[in-house]
Amino acid sequence: ERWAIESFFRWIKQNLNVPVLFGTTENAVFNQLFAALIAYVLLKFLQTEGHKKKHCKRLSFAGFTRQLLCDTLPIEWRIGLKEIVECHRELYQIDIG
């Protein structure tokens, strides 16, 4: 069981960019891990949907994330991501008024 836990935390450190846990309480650890997992899933979704666009060149997940965070994504990716976000914004928009 300990090996599974060690493997899980190694994956988190490598894939979620969580080199250290900032809190020591159970709640702080859960919050940091959940935030990292949510960010990972959203980035993976955007990268996967972007690959479905015909005009977007192939990018690895690490390359996509690096370019997105450094604001250096190619223009075709920026256009594709804007289309994806707009489509889902319209699809899931809830009428509050």
PDB file of N, CA and C in Angstrom:
ATOM      1  N   GLU A   1       0.821  -1.195   0.000  1.00  0.00           N
ATOM      2  CA  GLU A   1       0.000   0.000   0.000  1.00  0.00           C
ATOM      3  C   GLU A   1       0.864   1.258   0.000  1.00  0.00           C
ATOM      4  N   ARG A   2       1.966   1.198   0.719  1.00  0.00           N
ATOM      5  CA  ARG A   2       2.844   2.367   0.764  1.00  0.00           C
ATOM      6  C   ARG A   2       3.412   2.668  -0.625  1.00  0.00           C
ATOM      7  N   TRP A   3       3.735   1.628  -1.397  1.00  0.00           N
ATOM      8  CA  TRP A   3       4.277   1.833  -2.736  1.00  0.00           C
ATOM      9  C   TRP A   3       3.260   2.529  -3.635  1.00  0.00           C
ATOM     10  N   ALA A   4       1.993   2.174  -3.510  1.00  0.00           N
ATOM     11  CA  ALA A   4       0.945   2.822  -4.297  1.00  0.00           C
ATOM     12  C   ALA A   4       0.836   4.306  -3.942  1.00  0.00           C
ATOM     13  N   ILE A   5       0.936   4.605  -2.664  1.00  0.00           N
ATOM     14  CA  ILE A   5       0.876   6.007  -2.224  1.00  0.00           C
ATOM     15  C   ILE A   5       2.091   6.771  -2.744  1.00  0.00           C
ATOM     16  N   GLU A   6       3.274   6.181  -2.641  1.00  0.00           N
ATOM     17  CA  GLU A   6       4.494   6.835  -3.145  1.00  0.00           C
ATOM     18  C   GLU A   6       4.397   7.068  -4.653  1.00  0.00           C
ATOM     19  N   SER A   7       3.883   6.089  -5.393  1.00  0.00           N
ATOM     20  CA  SER A   7       3.729   6.235  -6.844  1.00  0.00           C
ATOM     21  C   SER A   7       2.732   7.338  -7.173  1.00  0.00           C
ATOM     22  N   PHE A   8       1.649   7.406  -6.419  1.00  0.00           N
ATOM     23  CA  PHE A   8       0.645   8.448  -6.632  1.00  0.00           C
ATOM     24  C   PHE A   8       1.242   9.834  -6.425  1.00  0.00           C
ATOM     25  N   PHE A   9       1.985  10.027  -5.344  1.00  0.00           N
ATOM     26  CA  PHE A   9       2.576  11.333  -5.083  1.00  0.00           C
ATOM     27  C   PHE A   9       3.684  11.664  -6.090  1.00  0.00           C
ATOM     28  N   ARG A  10       4.415  10.655  -6.576  1.00  0.00           N
ATOM     29  CA  ARG A  10       5.405  10.914  -7.620  1.00  0.00           C
ATOM     30  C   ARG A  10       4.702  11.400  -8.890  1.00  0.00           C
ATOM     31  N   TRP A  11       3.567  10.774  -9.252  1.00  0.00           N
ATOM     32  CA  TRP A  11       2.796  11.217 -10.424  1.00  0.00           C
ATOM     33  C   TRP A  11       2.298  12.650 -10.228  1.00  0.00           C
ATOM     34  N   ILE A  12       1.811  12.946  -9.037  1.00  0.00           N
ATOM     35  CA  ILE A  12       1.334  14.301  -8.752  1.00  0.00           C
ATOM     36  C   ILE A  12       2.457  15.314  -8.919  1.00  0.00           C
ATOM     37  N   LYS A  13       3.624  15.026  -8.365  1.00  0.00           N
ATOM     38  CA  LYS A  13       4.748  15.959  -8.459  1.00  0.00           C
ATOM     39  C   LYS A  13       5.189  16.153  -9.908  1.00  0.00           C
ATOM     40  N   GLN A  14       5.166  15.094 -10.705  1.00  0.00           N
ATOM     41  CA  GLN A  14       5.619  15.181 -12.083  1.00  0.00           C
ATOM     42  C   GLN A  14       4.579  15.810 -13.002  1.00  0.00           C
ATOM     43  N   ASN A  15       3.318  15.468 -12.832  1.00  0.00           N
ATOM     44  CA  ASN A  15       2.287  15.872 -13.784  1.00  0.00           C
ATOM     45  C   ASN A  15       1.468  17.078 -13.357  1.00  0.00           C
ATOM     46  N   LEU A  16       1.341  17.313 -12.089  1.00  0.00           N
ATOM     47  CA  LEU A  16       0.512  18.414 -11.614  1.00  0.00           C
ATOM     48  C   LEU A  16       1.333  19.603 -11.143  1.00  0.00           C
ATOM     49  N   ASN A  17       2.631  19.509 -11.247  1.00  0.00           N
ATOM     50  CA  ASN A  17       3.519  20.591 -10.841  1.00  0.00           C
ATOM     51  C   ASN A  17       3.264  20.998  -9.384  1.00  0.00           C
ATOM     52  N   VAL A  18       3.245  20.006  -8.523  1.00  0.00           N
ATOM     53  CA  VAL A  18       3.094  20.238  -7.086  1.00  0.00           C
ATOM     54  C   VAL A  18       4.363  19.689  -6.420  1.00  0.00           C
ATOM     55  N   PRO A  19       5.443  20.476  -6.398  1.00  0.00           N
ATOM     56  CA  PRO A  19       6.691  19.961  -5.834  1.00  0.00           C
ATOM     57  C   PRO A  19       6.644  19.797  -4.322  1.00  0.00           C
ATOM     58  N   VAL A  20       5.905  20.671  -3.651  1.00  0.00           N
ATOM     59  CA  VAL A  20       5.770  20.565  -2.193  1.00  0.00           C
ATOM     60  C   VAL A  20       4.317  20.851  -1.821  1.00  0.00           C
ATOM     61  N   LEU A  21       3.915  20.322  -0.692  1.00  0.00           N
ATOM     62  CA  LEU A  21       2.586  20.619  -0.164  1.00  0.00           C
ATOM     63  C   LEU A  21       2.735  21.774   0.815  1.00  0.00           C
ATOM     64  N   PHE A  22       1.939  22.812   0.614  1.00  0.00           N
ATOM     65  CA  PHE A  22       2.094  24.025   1.407  1.00  0.00           C
ATOM     66  C   PHE A  22       1.515  23.896   2.808  1.00  0.00           C
ATOM     67  N   GLY A  23       0.450  23.130   2.947  1.00  0.00           N
ATOM     68  CA  GLY A  23      -0.174  22.978   4.257  1.00  0.00           C
ATOM     69  C   GLY A  23       0.197  21.662   4.887  1.00  0.00           C
ATOM     70  N   THR A  24      -0.063  21.573   6.168  1.00  0.00           N
ATOM     71  CA  THR A  24       0.217  20.327   6.876  1.00  0.00           C
ATOM     72  C   THR A  24      -1.057  19.653   7.360  1.00  0.00           C
ATOM     73  N   THR A  25      -2.158  20.383   7.334  1.00  0.00           N
ATOM     74  CA  THR A  25      -3.408  19.772   7.781  1.00  0.00           C
ATOM     75  C   THR A  25      -4.009  18.966   6.642  1.00  0.00           C
ATOM     76  N   GLU A  26      -4.873  18.049   7.003  1.00  0.00           N
ATOM     77  CA  GLU A  26      -5.529  17.202   6.002  1.00  0.00           C
ATOM     78  C   GLU A  26      -6.311  18.055   5.004  1.00  0.00           C
ATOM     79  N   ASN A  27      -7.038  19.050   5.503  1.00  0.00           N
ATOM     80  CA  ASN A  27      -7.833  19.912   4.643  1.00  0.00           C
ATOM     81  C   ASN A  27      -6.951  20.700   3.662  1.00  0.00           C
ATOM     82  N   ALA A  28      -5.822  21.207   4.122  1.00  0.00           N
ATOM     83  CA  ALA A  28      -4.920  21.969   3.252  1.00  0.00           C
ATOM     84  C   ALA A  28      -4.347  21.092   2.146  1.00  0.00           C
ATOM     85  N   VAL A  29      -3.988  19.870   2.484  1.00  0.00           N
ATOM     86  CA  VAL A  29      -3.451  18.939   1.480  1.00  0.00           C
ATOM     87  C   VAL A  29      -4.520  18.601   0.453  1.00  0.00           C
ATOM     88  N   PHE A  30      -5.737  18.286   0.905  1.00  0.00           N
ATOM     89  CA  PHE A  30      -6.825  17.984  -0.025  1.00  0.00           C
ATOM     90  C   PHE A  30      -7.117  19.162  -0.939  1.00  0.00           C
ATOM     91  N   ASN A  31      -7.168  20.377  -0.386  1.00  0.00           N
ATOM     92  CA  ASN A  31      -7.452  21.552  -1.203  1.00  0.00           C
ATOM     93  C   ASN A  31      -6.389  21.764  -2.276  1.00  0.00           C
ATOM     94  N   GLN A  32      -5.125  21.632  -1.909  1.00  0.00           N
ATOM     95  CA  GLN A  32      -4.056  21.825  -2.891  1.00  0.00           C
ATOM     96  C   GLN A  32      -4.101  20.746  -3.971  1.00  0.00           C
ATOM     97  N   LEU A  33      -4.337  19.508  -3.577  1.00  0.00           N
ATOM     98  CA  LEU A  33      -4.398  18.422  -4.561  1.00  0.00           C
ATOM     99  C   LEU A  33      -5.616  18.551  -5.468  1.00  0.00           C
ATOM    100  N   PHE A  34      -6.762  18.906  -4.911  1.00  0.00           N
ATOM    101  CA  PHE A  34      -7.964  19.078  -5.735  1.00  0.00           C
ATOM    102  C   PHE A  34      -7.788  20.225  -6.719  1.00  0.00           C
ATOM    103  N   ALA A  35      -7.203  21.326  -6.280  1.00  0.00           N
ATOM    104  CA  ALA A  35      -6.965  22.453  -7.187  1.00  0.00           C
ATOM    105  C   ALA A  35      -6.024  22.046  -8.318  1.00  0.00           C
ATOM    106  N   ALA A  36      -4.974  21.300  -7.993  1.00  0.00           N
ATOM    107  CA  ALA A  36      -4.032  20.845  -9.014  1.00  0.00           C
ATOM    108  C   ALA A  36      -4.712  19.875  -9.987  1.00  0.00           C
ATOM    109  N   LEU A  37      -5.537  18.963  -9.474  1.00  0.00           N
ATOM    110  CA  LEU A  37      -6.248  18.014 -10.343  1.00  0.00           C
ATOM    111  C   LEU A  37      -7.241  18.727 -11.255  1.00  0.00           C
ATOM    112  N   ILE A  38      -7.948  19.720 -10.745  1.00  0.00           N
ATOM    113  CA  ILE A  38      -8.893  20.480 -11.565  1.00  0.00           C
ATOM    114  C   ILE A  38      -8.149  21.204 -12.682  1.00  0.00           C
ATOM    115  N   ALA A  39      -7.036  21.840 -12.349  1.00  0.00           N
ATOM    116  CA  ALA A  39      -6.242  22.540 -13.363  1.00  0.00           C
ATOM    117  C   ALA A  39      -5.730  21.561 -14.416  1.00  0.00           C
ATOM    118  N   TYR A  40      -5.266  20.391 -13.973  1.00  0.00           N
ATOM    119  CA  TYR A  40      -4.763  19.375 -14.909  1.00  0.00           C
ATOM    120  C   TYR A  40      -5.860  18.919 -15.861  1.00  0.00           C
ATOM    121  N   VAL A  41      -7.040  18.622 -15.328  1.00  0.00           N
ATOM    122  CA  VAL A  41      -8.144  18.140 -16.161  1.00  0.00           C
ATOM    123  C   VAL A  41      -8.567  19.209 -17.166  1.00  0.00           C
ATOM    124  N   LEU A  42      -8.647  20.464 -16.745  1.00  0.00           N
ATOM    125  CA  LEU A  42      -9.019  21.541 -17.663  1.00  0.00           C
ATOM    126  C   LEU A  42      -7.977  21.723 -18.768  1.00  0.00           C
ATOM    127  N   LEU A  43      -6.707  21.709 -18.411  1.00  0.00           N
ATOM    128  CA  LEU A  43      -5.663  21.837 -19.424  1.00  0.00           C
ATOM    129  C   LEU A  43      -5.661  20.650 -20.381  1.00  0.00           C
ATOM    130  N   LYS A  44      -5.845  19.449 -19.839  1.00  0.00           N
ATOM    131  CA  LYS A  44      -5.881  18.247 -20.691  1.00  0.00           C
ATOM    132  C   LYS A  44      -7.073  18.299 -21.631  1.00  0.00           C
ATOM    133  N   PHE A  45      -8.215  18.776 -21.151  1.00  0.00           N
ATOM    134  CA  PHE A  45      -9.405  18.916 -21.986  1.00  0.00           C
ATOM    135  C   PHE A  45      -9.132  19.896 -23.129  1.00  0.00           C
ATOM    136  N   LEU A  46      -8.556  21.063 -22.811  1.00  0.00           N
ATOM    137  CA  LEU A  46      -8.269  22.054 -23.846  1.00  0.00           C
ATOM    138  C   LEU A  46      -7.263  21.523 -24.869  1.00  0.00           C
ATOM    139  N   GLN A  47      -6.254  20.811 -24.394  1.00  0.00           N
ATOM    140  CA  GLN A  47      -5.262  20.264 -25.311  1.00  0.00           C
ATOM    141  C   GLN A  47      -5.875  19.204 -26.211  1.00  0.00           C
ATOM    142  N   THR A  48      -6.713  18.333 -25.660  1.00  0.00           N
ATOM    143  CA  THR A  48      -7.361  17.284 -26.444  1.00  0.00           C
ATOM    144  C   THR A  48      -8.323  17.878 -27.463  1.00  0.00           C
ATOM    145  N   GLU A  49      -9.123  18.842 -27.053  1.00  0.00           N
ATOM    146  CA  GLU A  49     -10.060  19.486 -27.978  1.00  0.00           C
ATOM    147  C   GLU A  49      -9.313  20.268 -29.058  1.00  0.00           C
ATOM    148  N   GLY A  50      -8.203  20.865 -28.696  1.00  0.00           N
ATOM    149  CA  GLY A  50      -7.405  21.604 -29.670  1.00  0.00           C
ATOM    150  C   GLY A  50      -6.836  20.706 -30.751  1.00  0.00           C
ATOM    151  N   HIS A  51      -6.501  19.480 -30.385  1.00  0.00           N
ATOM    152  CA  HIS A  51      -5.981  18.527 -31.366  1.00  0.00           C
ATOM    153  C   HIS A  51      -7.053  18.115 -32.365  1.00  0.00           C
ATOM    154  N   LYS A  52      -8.320  18.242 -31.987  1.00  0.00           N
ATOM    155  CA  LYS A  52      -9.404  17.887 -32.897  1.00  0.00           C
ATOM    156  C   LYS A  52      -9.587  18.923 -33.995  1.00  0.00           C
ATOM    157  N   LYS A  53      -9.098  20.136 -33.759  1.00  0.00           N
ATOM    158  CA  LYS A  53      -9.190  21.196 -34.766  1.00  0.00           C
ATOM    159  C   LYS A  53      -8.214  20.882 -35.900  1.00  0.00           C
ATOM    160  N   LYS A  54      -8.669  21.041 -37.111  1.00  0.00           N
ATOM    161  CA  LYS A  54      -7.850  20.698 -38.282  1.00  0.00           C
ATOM    162  C   LYS A  54      -6.646  21.619 -38.439  1.00  0.00           C
ATOM    163  N   HIS A  55      -6.785  22.883 -38.046  1.00  0.00           N
ATOM    164  CA  HIS A  55      -5.734  23.855 -38.300  1.00  0.00           C
ATOM    165  C   HIS A  55      -4.689  23.950 -37.186  1.00  0.00           C
ATOM    166  N   CYS A  56      -4.829  23.163 -36.116  1.00  0.00           N
ATOM    167  CA  CYS A  56      -3.873  23.222 -35.007  1.00  0.00           C
ATOM    168  C   CYS A  56      -2.815  22.138 -35.167  1.00  0.00           C
ATOM    169  N   LYS A  57      -1.538  22.542 -35.111  1.00  0.00           N
ATOM    170  CA  LYS A  57      -0.469  21.553 -35.198  1.00  0.00           C
ATOM    171  C   LYS A  57      -0.409  20.755 -33.901  1.00  0.00           C
ATOM    172  N   ARG A  58       0.169  19.574 -33.966  1.00  0.00           N
ATOM    173  CA  ARG A  58       0.244  18.697 -32.803  1.00  0.00           C
ATOM    174  C   ARG A  58       1.213  19.273 -31.765  1.00  0.00           C
ATOM    175  N   LEU A  59       0.776  19.287 -30.519  1.00  0.00           N
ATOM    176  CA  LEU A  59       1.617  19.699 -29.398  1.00  0.00           C
ATOM    177  C   LEU A  59       1.519  18.648 -28.305  1.00  0.00           C
ATOM    178  N   SER A  60       2.633  18.348 -27.670  1.00  0.00           N
ATOM    179  CA  SER A  60       2.582  17.466 -26.512  1.00  0.00           C
ATOM    180  C   SER A  60       1.865  18.202 -25.389  1.00  0.00           C
ATOM    181  N   PHE A  61       1.419  17.464 -24.401  1.00  0.00           N
ATOM    182  CA  PHE A  61       0.733  18.102 -23.283  1.00  0.00           C
ATOM    183  C   PHE A  61       1.678  19.059 -22.552  1.00  0.00           C
ATOM    184  N   ALA A  62       2.918  18.634 -22.354  1.00  0.00           N
ATOM    185  CA  ALA A  62       3.890  19.499 -21.670  1.00  0.00           C
ATOM    186  C   ALA A  62       4.168  20.750 -22.503  1.00  0.00           C
ATOM    187  N   GLY A  63       4.320  20.583 -23.810  1.00  0.00           N
ATOM    188  CA  GLY A  63       4.560  21.731 -24.682  1.00  0.00           C
ATOM    189  C   GLY A  63       3.380  22.676 -24.715  1.00  0.00           C
ATOM    190  N   PHE A  64       2.174  22.103 -24.766  1.00  0.00           N
ATOM    191  CA  PHE A  64       0.960  22.919 -24.750  1.00  0.00           C
ATOM    192  C   PHE A  64       0.872  23.728 -23.464  1.00  0.00           C
ATOM    193  N   THR A  65       1.069  23.069 -22.334  1.00  0.00           N
ATOM    194  CA  THR A  65       0.980  23.739 -21.039  1.00  0.00           C
ATOM    195  C   THR A  65       2.027  24.835 -20.917  1.00  0.00           C
ATOM    196  N   ARG A  66       3.259  24.539 -21.311  1.00  0.00           N
ATOM    197  CA  ARG A  66       4.342  25.520 -21.228  1.00  0.00           C
ATOM    198  C   ARG A  66       4.027  26.743 -22.087  1.00  0.00           C
ATOM    199  N   GLN A  67       3.585  26.507 -23.334  1.00  0.00           N
ATOM    200  CA  GLN A  67       3.294  27.629 -24.218  1.00  0.00           C
ATOM    201  C   GLN A  67       2.073  28.413 -23.753  1.00  0.00           C
ATOM    202  N   LEU A  68       1.078  27.733 -23.196  1.00  0.00           N
ATOM    203  CA  LEU A  68      -0.102  28.422 -22.682  1.00  0.00           C
ATOM    204  C   LEU A  68       0.269  29.325 -21.513  1.00  0.00           C
ATOM    205  N   LEU A  69       1.049  28.808 -20.580  1.00  0.00           N
ATOM    206  CA  LEU A  69       1.431  29.582 -19.407  1.00  0.00           C
ATOM    207  C   LEU A  69       2.389  30.724 -19.748  1.00  0.00           C
ATOM    208  N   CYS A  70       3.210  30.553 -20.766  1.00  0.00           N
ATOM    209  CA  CYS A  70       4.141  31.610 -21.184  1.00  0.00           C
ATOM    210  C   CYS A  70       3.524  32.549 -22.219  1.00  0.00           C
ATOM    211  N   ASP A  71       2.264  32.305 -22.567  1.00  0.00           N
ATOM    212  CA  ASP A  71       1.543  33.124 -23.540  1.00  0.00           C
ATOM    213  C   ASP A  71       2.247  33.142 -24.895  1.00  0.00           C
ATOM    214  N   THR A  72       2.729  31.967 -25.321  1.00  0.00           N
ATOM    215  CA  THR A  72       3.420  31.854 -26.606  1.00  0.00           C
ATOM    216  C   THR A  72       2.769  30.820 -27.528  1.00  0.00           C
ATOM    217  N   LEU A  73       1.499  30.497 -27.274  1.00  0.00           N
ATOM    218  CA  LEU A  73       0.808  29.553 -28.150  1.00  0.00           C
ATOM    219  C   LEU A  73       0.718  30.116 -29.561  1.00  0.00           C
ATOM    220  N   PRO A  74       0.876  29.269 -30.582  1.00  0.00           N
ATOM    221  CA  PRO A  74       0.700  29.735 -31.956  1.00  0.00           C
ATOM    222  C   PRO A  74      -0.722  30.280 -32.162  1.00  0.00           C
ATOM    223  N   ILE A  75      -0.870  31.172 -33.120  1.00  0.00           N
ATOM    224  CA  ILE A  75      -2.147  31.845 -33.351  1.00  0.00           C
ATOM    225  C   ILE A  75      -3.261  30.859 -33.674  1.00  0.00           C
ATOM    226  N   GLU A  76      -2.953  29.786 -34.407  1.00  0.00           N
ATOM    227  CA  GLU A  76      -4.011  28.823 -34.736  1.00  0.00           C
ATOM    228  C   GLU A  76      -4.553  28.142 -33.482  1.00  0.00           C
ATOM    229  N   TRP A  77      -3.685  27.919 -32.489  1.00  0.00           N
ATOM    230  CA  TRP A  77      -4.133  27.346 -31.229  1.00  0.00           C
ATOM    231  C   TRP A  77      -4.984  28.353 -30.455  1.00  0.00           C
ATOM    232  N   ARG A  78      -4.588  29.598 -30.463  1.00  0.00           N
ATOM    233  CA  ARG A  78      -5.352  30.631 -29.747  1.00  0.00           C
ATOM    234  C   ARG A  78      -6.760  30.740 -30.329  1.00  0.00           C
ATOM    235  N   ILE A  79      -6.843  30.736 -31.649  1.00  0.00           N
ATOM    236  CA  ILE A  79      -8.160  30.802 -32.297  1.00  0.00           C
ATOM    237  C   ILE A  79      -8.973  29.567 -31.958  1.00  0.00           C
ATOM    238  N   GLY A  80      -8.346  28.384 -32.027  1.00  0.00           N
ATOM    239  CA  GLY A  80      -9.043  27.141 -31.711  1.00  0.00           C
ATOM    240  C   GLY A  80      -9.542  27.099 -30.273  1.00  0.00           C
ATOM    241  N   LEU A  81      -8.718  27.551 -29.339  1.00  0.00           N
ATOM    242  CA  LEU A  81      -9.126  27.554 -27.930  1.00  0.00           C
ATOM    243  C   LEU A  81     -10.251  28.546 -27.684  1.00  0.00           C
ATOM    244  N   LYS A  82     -10.205  29.680 -28.365  1.00  0.00           N
ATOM    245  CA  LYS A  82     -11.279  30.656 -28.219  1.00  0.00           C
ATOM    246  C   LYS A  82     -12.594  30.065 -28.715  1.00  0.00           C
ATOM    247  N   GLU A  83     -12.554  29.345 -29.831  1.00  0.00           N
ATOM    248  CA  GLU A  83     -13.755  28.689 -30.355  1.00  0.00           C
ATOM    249  C   GLU A  83     -14.282  27.646 -29.376  1.00  0.00           C
ATOM    250  N   ILE A  84     -13.393  26.870 -28.786  1.00  0.00           N
ATOM    251  CA  ILE A  84     -13.788  25.828 -27.829  1.00  0.00           C
ATOM    252  C   ILE A  84     -14.446  26.448 -26.611  1.00  0.00           C
ATOM    253  N   VAL A  85     -13.831  27.469 -26.056  1.00  0.00           N
ATOM    254  CA  VAL A  85     -14.367  28.122 -24.858  1.00  0.00           C
ATOM    255  C   VAL A  85     -15.722  28.753 -25.152  1.00  0.00           C
ATOM    256  N   GLU A  86     -15.834  29.435 -26.285  1.00  0.00           N
ATOM    257  CA  GLU A  86     -17.112  30.067 -26.647  1.00  0.00           C
ATOM    258  C   GLU A  86     -18.208  29.028 -26.841  1.00  0.00           C
ATOM    259  N   CYS A  87     -17.887  27.934 -27.496  1.00  0.00           N
ATOM    260  CA  CYS A  87     -18.869  26.861 -27.721  1.00  0.00           C
ATOM    261  C   CYS A  87     -19.378  26.307 -26.403  1.00  0.00           C
ATOM    262  N   HIS A  88     -18.482  26.033 -25.488  1.00  0.00           N
ATOM    263  CA  HIS A  88     -18.890  25.464 -24.201  1.00  0.00           C
ATOM    264  C   HIS A  88     -19.551  26.496 -23.304  1.00  0.00           C
ATOM    265  N   ARG A  89     -19.167  27.741 -23.442  1.00  0.00           N
ATOM    266  CA  ARG A  89     -19.818  28.796 -22.672  1.00  0.00           C
ATOM    267  C   ARG A  89     -21.291  28.893 -23.080  1.00  0.00           C
ATOM    268  N   GLU A  90     -21.561  28.862 -24.370  1.00  0.00           N
ATOM    269  CA  GLU A  90     -22.944  28.922 -24.862  1.00  0.00           C
ATOM    270  C   GLU A  90     -23.712  27.646 -24.485  1.00  0.00           C
ATOM    271  N   LEU A  91     -23.027  26.514 -24.567  1.00  0.00           N
ATOM    272  CA  LEU A  91     -23.669  25.232 -24.296  1.00  0.00           C
ATOM    273  C   LEU A  91     -24.117  25.105 -22.845  1.00  0.00           C
ATOM    274  N   TYR A  92     -23.296  25.591 -21.918  1.00  0.00           N
ATOM    275  CA  TYR A  92     -23.576  25.417 -20.493  1.00  0.00           C
ATOM    276  C   TYR A  92     -24.044  26.678 -19.807  1.00  0.00           C
ATOM    277  N   GLN A  93     -24.401  27.694 -20.562  1.00  0.00           N
ATOM    278  CA  GLN A  93     -24.864  28.939 -19.957  1.00  0.00           C
ATOM    279  C   GLN A  93     -26.203  28.707 -19.272  1.00  0.00           C
ATOM    280  N   ILE A  94     -26.294  29.187 -18.059  1.00  0.00           N
ATOM    281  CA  ILE A  94     -27.514  29.024 -17.261  1.00  0.00           C
ATOM    282  C   ILE A  94     -28.184  30.392 -17.149  1.00  0.00           C
ATOM    283  N   ASP A  95     -29.489  30.423 -17.383  1.00  0.00           N
ATOM    284  CA  ASP A  95     -30.233  31.671 -17.280  1.00  0.00           C
ATOM    285  C   ASP A  95     -30.544  31.912 -15.803  1.00  0.00           C
ATOM    286  N   ILE A  96     -29.891  32.904 -15.207  1.00  0.00           N
ATOM    287  CA  ILE A  96     -30.075  33.212 -13.793  1.00  0.00           C
ATOM    288  C   ILE A  96     -31.231  34.200 -13.601  1.00  0.00           C
ATOM    289  N   GLY A  97     -31.427  35.096 -14.542  1.00  0.00           N
ATOM    290  CA  GLY A  97     -32.434  36.132 -14.404  1.00  0.00           C
ATOM    291  C   GLY A  97     -33.773  35.595 -14.628  1.00  0.00           C
TER     292      GLY A  97
END
